[in-house]
Amino acid sequence: MSETGTPTRISTLQKGAWWLQDYLYAGVWQVRGMLSRVQPGSFHQGHRAPVVIIPGVYENWQFMLPLIQCIHDAGHPVHVVTVLQRNSLDVPAAARLVAQHLEEAGLRDAAIVAHSKGGLIGKYAMLNLDPEHRIDRMIAVCTPFSGSRYAKYMLLPSLRIFSPRNALTLQLAREETINSRITSIYGPFDPHIPEGSVLPGATNIELPVAGHFRILGDSETSRIIVEQLNLPA
């Protein structure tokens, strides 16, 4: 594990193998998520600080079940914002739904655990929609904090927002006041975010698991997230 953010030379063949493994993982969990009968309320009990899950774009909350289960097993009540559905709303609108859930559920000293776009939503909520300081910290996995150069090739507006030139992406990147309350986790290669997920002023942790999706199901990712959740405020 590296916390330096130092780039590593990776062969094209290795990148191709990681890309294939990543999409196989994503495909399996998209199907498992659709077939899952687990109810979100089954994770609400726990004696530690509450955790709110924010998935990535086009992901429902069940896509993050491996992480949810591990976090809940560690004693944290886990909440999912079901009204996000497949998370295709723009970042401010989605952040308002997260803030609304925090208030309606009466959550305080909460942590956000987010994937990809979810990290942008979480940071927006922390900066603009948390006057009562309900959010203590955020742990983001593979979030494009600096955008992704691939976004300009996307046809859908919901994907083009990740452009490094997008006004909101630039605004969030400039705002560094809360970065010390964020942990950014990523692997040595992310096929969706060539810029990487290093966030200045945050706790940046590189794990030896490549990909944008597969890292969510790795036991080391779960271990590090639980470890970060249990650090003193």
Protein backbone atom coordinates (compact mmCIF):
# COMPACT_ATOMS: atom_id res chain seq x y z
CA MET A 1 0.00 0.00 0.00
CA SER A 2 1.29 3.49 -0.88
CA GLU A 3 0.22 6.86 0.44
CA THR A 4 2.56 8.86 -1.78
CA GLY A 5 0.52 9.00 -4.96
CA THR A 6 3.71 8.18 -6.91
CA PRO A 7 2.87 6.89 -10.43
CA THR A 8 4.01 3.38 -11.34
CA ARG A 9 5.02 2.20 -14.84
CA ILE A 10 2.41 -0.32 -16.01
CA SER A 11 2.46 -2.33 -19.23
CA THR A 12 -0.33 -2.07 -21.80
CA LEU A 13 -1.00 -5.80 -21.46
CA GLN A 14 -1.42 -5.47 -17.70
CA LYS A 15 -3.79 -2.53 -18.16
CA GLY A 16 -5.85 -4.58 -20.60
CA ALA A 17 -6.14 -7.46 -18.14
CA TRP A 18 -7.17 -5.11 -15.34
CA TRP A 19 -9.74 -3.44 -17.62
CA LEU A 20 -11.33 -6.81 -18.43
CA GLN A 21 -11.40 -7.89 -14.77
CA ASP A 22 -12.93 -4.54 -13.84
CA TYR A 23 -15.82 -4.82 -16.27
CA LEU A 24 -16.47 -8.45 -15.38
CA TYR A 25 -16.78 -7.40 -11.74
CA ALA A 26 -19.09 -4.50 -12.64
CA GLY A 27 -21.29 -6.73 -14.79
CA VAL A 28 -21.66 -9.37 -12.10
CA TRP A 29 -22.57 -6.84 -9.42
CA GLN A 30 -25.01 -4.95 -11.62
CA VAL A 31 -26.92 -8.22 -12.04
CA ARG A 32 -26.57 -9.23 -8.38
CA GLY A 33 -27.77 -5.79 -7.33
CA MET A 34 -30.89 -6.07 -9.48
CA LEU A 35 -31.65 -9.53 -8.07
CA SER A 36 -30.92 -8.66 -4.45
CA ARG A 37 -33.82 -8.80 -1.98
CA VAL A 38 -31.86 -7.17 0.85
CA GLN A 39 -33.79 -4.31 2.45
CA PRO A 40 -31.89 -1.08 3.24
CA GLY A 41 -33.40 -0.90 6.72
CA SER A 42 -31.66 -4.12 7.70
CA PHE A 43 -28.39 -2.19 8.11
CA HIS A 44 -29.67 0.59 10.41
CA GLN A 45 -28.57 -0.97 13.70
CA GLY A 46 -25.12 -0.40 15.16
CA HIS A 47 -23.23 1.11 18.08
CA ARG A 48 -20.67 3.16 16.14
CA ALA A 49 -21.01 6.35 14.10
CA PRO A 50 -23.54 6.19 11.26
CA VAL A 51 -22.40 5.83 7.67
CA VAL A 52 -24.18 7.09 4.54
CA ILE A 53 -23.44 5.29 1.28
CA ILE A 54 -23.30 7.21 -2.02
CA PRO A 55 -22.70 5.04 -5.11
CA GLY A 56 -21.30 6.16 -8.46
CA VAL A 57 -23.12 7.16 -11.62
CA TYR A 58 -25.61 4.55 -12.89
CA GLU A 59 -25.05 2.45 -9.77
CA ASN A 60 -27.81 1.59 -7.33
CA TRP A 61 -26.99 1.19 -3.65
CA GLN A 62 -26.90 -2.62 -3.95
CA PHE A 63 -23.81 -2.28 -6.16
CA MET A 64 -21.91 -1.42 -2.97
CA LEU A 65 -23.24 -4.33 -0.91
CA PRO A 66 -19.79 -5.87 -0.25
CA LEU A 67 -18.66 -2.64 1.43
CA ILE A 68 -21.99 -2.08 3.16
CA GLN A 69 -21.90 -5.53 4.73
CA CYS A 70 -18.33 -5.13 6.02
CA ILE A 71 -19.02 -1.66 7.44
CA HIS A 72 -22.17 -2.90 9.15
CA ASP A 73 -20.38 -5.97 10.53
CA ALA A 74 -17.87 -3.57 12.12
CA GLY A 75 -20.68 -2.01 14.18
CA HIS A 76 -21.76 0.95 12.06
CA PRO A 77 -25.38 1.67 11.21
CA VAL A 78 -25.42 2.07 7.43
CA HIS A 79 -27.88 4.26 5.54
CA VAL A 80 -28.52 4.33 1.80
CA VAL A 81 -30.30 7.15 -0.01
CA THR A 82 -32.74 5.09 -2.05
CA VAL A 83 -34.24 8.14 -3.80
CA LEU A 84 -30.95 8.52 -5.68
CA GLN A 85 -31.99 5.36 -7.56
CA ARG A 86 -29.22 4.90 -10.19
CA ASN A 87 -27.54 8.21 -9.39
CA SER A 88 -28.07 9.98 -12.71
CA LEU A 89 -29.02 13.38 -11.22
CA ASP A 90 -26.58 16.27 -11.39
CA VAL A 91 -24.25 16.65 -8.41
CA PRO A 92 -26.06 19.52 -6.59
CA ALA A 93 -29.47 17.83 -6.88
CA ALA A 94 -28.10 14.52 -5.63
CA ALA A 95 -26.29 16.27 -2.78
CA ARG A 96 -29.56 17.88 -1.69
CA LEU A 97 -31.14 14.43 -1.44
CA VAL A 98 -28.23 13.23 0.70
CA ALA A 99 -28.52 16.27 2.99
CA GLN A 100 -32.25 15.71 3.24
CA HIS A 101 -31.71 12.09 4.28
CA LEU A 102 -29.21 13.11 6.97
CA GLU A 103 -31.71 15.55 8.43
CA GLU A 104 -34.79 13.32 8.20
CA ALA A 105 -32.94 10.34 9.71
CA GLY A 106 -31.54 12.54 12.50
CA LEU A 107 -27.96 11.52 11.74
CA ARG A 108 -25.04 13.33 13.38
CA ASP A 109 -21.29 12.74 13.38
CA ALA A 110 -21.94 10.75 10.22
CA ALA A 111 -19.39 9.55 7.70
CA ILE A 112 -19.97 9.31 3.98
CA VAL A 113 -18.57 6.33 2.10
CA ALA A 114 -18.74 7.05 -1.61
CA HIS A 115 -17.72 5.60 -4.94
CA SER A 116 -16.67 7.65 -7.98
CA LYS A 117 -19.28 10.39 -8.63
CA GLY A 118 -20.53 9.78 -5.09
CA GLY A 119 -17.38 11.45 -3.79
CA LEU A 120 -18.19 14.64 -5.71
CA ILE A 121 -21.72 14.55 -4.31
CA GLY A 122 -20.37 14.06 -0.81
CA LYS A 123 -17.87 16.90 -1.10
CA TYR A 124 -20.56 19.23 -2.46
CA ALA A 125 -22.83 18.35 0.48
CA MET A 126 -20.02 18.92 2.99
CA LEU A 127 -19.19 22.31 1.48
CA ASN A 128 -22.62 23.72 0.79
CA LEU A 129 -25.40 21.76 2.48
CA ASP A 130 -24.23 20.92 6.00
CA PRO A 131 -24.89 23.97 8.21
CA GLU A 132 -25.43 21.75 11.27
CA HIS A 133 -22.18 19.85 10.66
CA ARG A 134 -23.87 16.47 10.51
CA ILE A 135 -21.08 15.08 8.29
CA ASP A 136 -17.88 14.33 10.16
CA ARG A 137 -15.80 12.90 7.30
CA MET A 138 -15.89 11.21 3.93
CA ILE A 139 -14.09 8.19 2.51
CA ALA A 140 -14.19 8.19 -1.28
CA VAL A 141 -13.14 5.36 -3.57
CA CYS A 142 -11.98 6.16 -7.12
CA THR A 143 -13.49 9.64 -7.23
CA PRO A 144 -12.57 11.96 -10.14
CA PHE A 145 -11.80 14.96 -7.94
CA SER A 146 -9.88 16.55 -10.84
CA GLY A 147 -12.20 15.20 -13.53
CA SER A 148 -11.49 12.75 -16.33
CA ARG A 149 -10.23 13.69 -19.79
CA TYR A 150 -12.37 10.86 -21.22
CA ALA A 151 -15.56 12.73 -20.30
CA LYS A 152 -15.42 14.91 -23.42
CA TYR A 153 -15.97 11.80 -25.55
CA MET A 154 -19.17 10.83 -23.73
CA LEU A 155 -22.52 11.45 -25.42
CA LEU A 156 -24.58 11.64 -22.24
CA PRO A 157 -24.60 14.91 -20.25
CA SER A 158 -24.56 12.86 -17.03
CA LEU A 159 -21.06 11.66 -18.02
CA ARG A 160 -19.72 14.82 -19.63
CA ILE A 161 -19.94 16.58 -16.25
CA PHE A 162 -16.73 14.78 -15.26
CA SER A 163 -14.70 16.86 -17.68
CA PRO A 164 -11.73 18.64 -16.04
CA ARG A 165 -13.09 21.85 -17.63
CA ASN A 166 -16.58 21.48 -16.16
CA ALA A 167 -17.39 24.51 -14.00
CA LEU A 168 -18.56 22.47 -11.02
CA THR A 169 -15.57 20.12 -11.19
CA LEU A 170 -13.24 23.15 -11.20
CA GLN A 171 -15.14 24.74 -8.32
CA LEU A 172 -14.98 21.62 -6.17
CA ALA A 173 -11.28 21.16 -6.96
CA ARG A 174 -10.49 24.73 -5.86
CA GLU A 175 -12.28 24.29 -2.54
CA GLU A 176 -9.66 22.67 -0.28
CA THR A 177 -10.94 23.77 3.14
CA ILE A 178 -12.52 20.40 3.95
CA ASN A 179 -10.02 18.14 2.17
CA SER A 180 -8.40 17.24 5.49
CA ARG A 181 -11.67 15.50 6.41
CA ILE A 182 -11.59 13.34 3.29
CA THR A 183 -9.82 10.04 2.65
CA SER A 184 -9.32 9.20 -1.03
CA ILE A 185 -8.73 5.53 -1.88
CA TYR A 186 -7.68 4.31 -5.32
CA GLY A 187 -5.58 1.70 -7.10
CA PRO A 188 -2.53 1.87 -9.39
CA PHE A 189 -4.69 2.04 -12.53
CA ASP A 190 -8.19 3.38 -13.13
CA PRO A 191 -9.49 2.97 -16.71
CA HIS A 192 -12.01 5.77 -16.17
CA ILE A 193 -9.83 8.33 -14.42
CA PRO A 194 -6.38 8.66 -16.01
CA GLU A 195 -5.80 11.77 -13.87
CA GLY A 196 -6.10 9.62 -10.74
CA SER A 197 -7.91 10.31 -7.47
CA VAL A 198 -5.22 12.05 -5.42
CA LEU A 199 -6.80 14.96 -3.53
CA PRO A 200 -4.48 17.70 -2.16
CA GLY A 201 -4.68 17.99 1.62
CA ALA A 202 -6.63 14.73 2.00
CA THR A 203 -5.48 11.35 3.27
CA ASN A 204 -4.57 9.63 -0.01
CA ILE A 205 -4.24 5.84 0.07
CA GLU A 206 -3.24 3.72 -2.91
CA LEU A 207 -4.17 0.04 -2.68
CA PRO A 208 -2.71 -2.73 -4.86
CA VAL A 209 -6.08 -3.35 -6.54
CA ALA A 210 -6.46 -1.87 -10.01
CA GLY A 211 -9.71 -0.82 -11.66
CA HIS A 212 -12.60 1.51 -11.08
CA PHE A 213 -15.11 -1.06 -9.81
CA ARG A 214 -13.26 -4.18 -8.66
CA ILE A 215 -11.63 -2.30 -5.80
CA LEU A 216 -15.06 -2.09 -4.11
CA GLY A 217 -15.12 -5.83 -3.50
CA ASP A 218 -11.56 -6.21 -2.23
CA SER A 219 -11.10 -7.14 1.43
CA GLU A 220 -8.24 -4.66 1.85
CA THR A 221 -10.52 -1.82 0.72
CA SER A 222 -13.07 -2.79 3.35
CA ARG A 223 -10.38 -3.06 6.02
CA ILE A 224 -8.95 0.37 5.25
CA ILE A 225 -12.39 1.99 5.14
CA VAL A 226 -13.37 0.55 8.53
CA GLU A 227 -9.99 1.64 9.91
CA GLN A 228 -10.54 5.18 8.63
CA LEU A 229 -14.09 5.27 9.98
CA ASN A 230 -12.87 4.43 13.46
CA LEU A 231 -10.13 7.06 13.65
CA PRO A 232 -10.72 9.83 16.22
CA ALA A 233 -12.60 12.83 14.87
